[in-house]
Amino acid sequence: MRGHADANRGLAAGLADMNREEGLDDLSRSSWLRDTPPNFRNAILSLCCWERIEAGAPVQTGGEDQGELIGLARGTVELRTVLGPADTPVMHFAYPVTWFGFGPIVSRRPRPLAASARTPIWVARLPQAAVRALLAKQPGWWRHLIPPSLVYGDVAVTIAADLLIRDSERRCSAVLLRLSGRRFASPEGEGATEVAITQDDLAGAANLSRSSVRTMLGRLAARGLIEQGYGGVTVRAPEALRAFVDQG
């Protein structure tokens, strides 16, 4: 769910048209499907429908017992927990290539997350009934759903660890890195990354006041670590910003 955020993603990610063949090809090369047998991978992709969703529109509503697998091929999705109060802020962003929606399929428990399109997005959808019908024919394929479903736990632990950072500026920086997809080093290399986030979003996600976040971002910008723009923030030096966050 953390996904990979590259330097060319930009705030307008998802605006360009993306056909089904191109999108499914990208999804087939994701970290999940790439490591599964070709017959399983092809069966999953053959059942997917293809859809563009406009910015601000819901992708999934938390709390449902039924749902679908969703593969994000382009754009940014914002995630909120439905396990807390109704005013719980945005907690995480998902970037291509990310799959989610495994919870109700694997555990039969309601979805813990609500998702909406932060930018225009392109997604592949596979109804839960179709997944279960496929697995009923091939029971051995159940094991392929376990690794991606465990990512939820990894993300939750990272969120908790970041929020336990006592120094508010390091905590703010950690949350900014995570929301930009750069909380951890990328094996593909790194460059400047633009994230569609407002100061209000960042303040809510880091449990800080907006005025504090504004001051902190100003200091980080003065050090050349970030750059503020209209409707977003560019993380200019992810490695240096991580070093600041993880100093101990």
Foldseek 3Di string as FASTA:
>chain_A
DLAAFAAPQDPQKQVDDDDLVRQLVQLCCDPQNVPDDPVVSVLQSVQWDKDKDAAPAWPFDWFDLWDWKKFWRMAKKWKDFPPDDPPQATAAIYGPGAIDDLVSLLPSGTGGITMGGNHITMMIIHTSVNVVVVCVVVVVCSVSSPVNVCVVVVSVVQLVVLLPPPPLLLSLLCSVCSRQSRNDDDPVDHFKTKGQDDLVRSCSNNVHDSVVSVVSVVVCVVVVQWDDDVRIIIGGNSVVSNCVNPPD
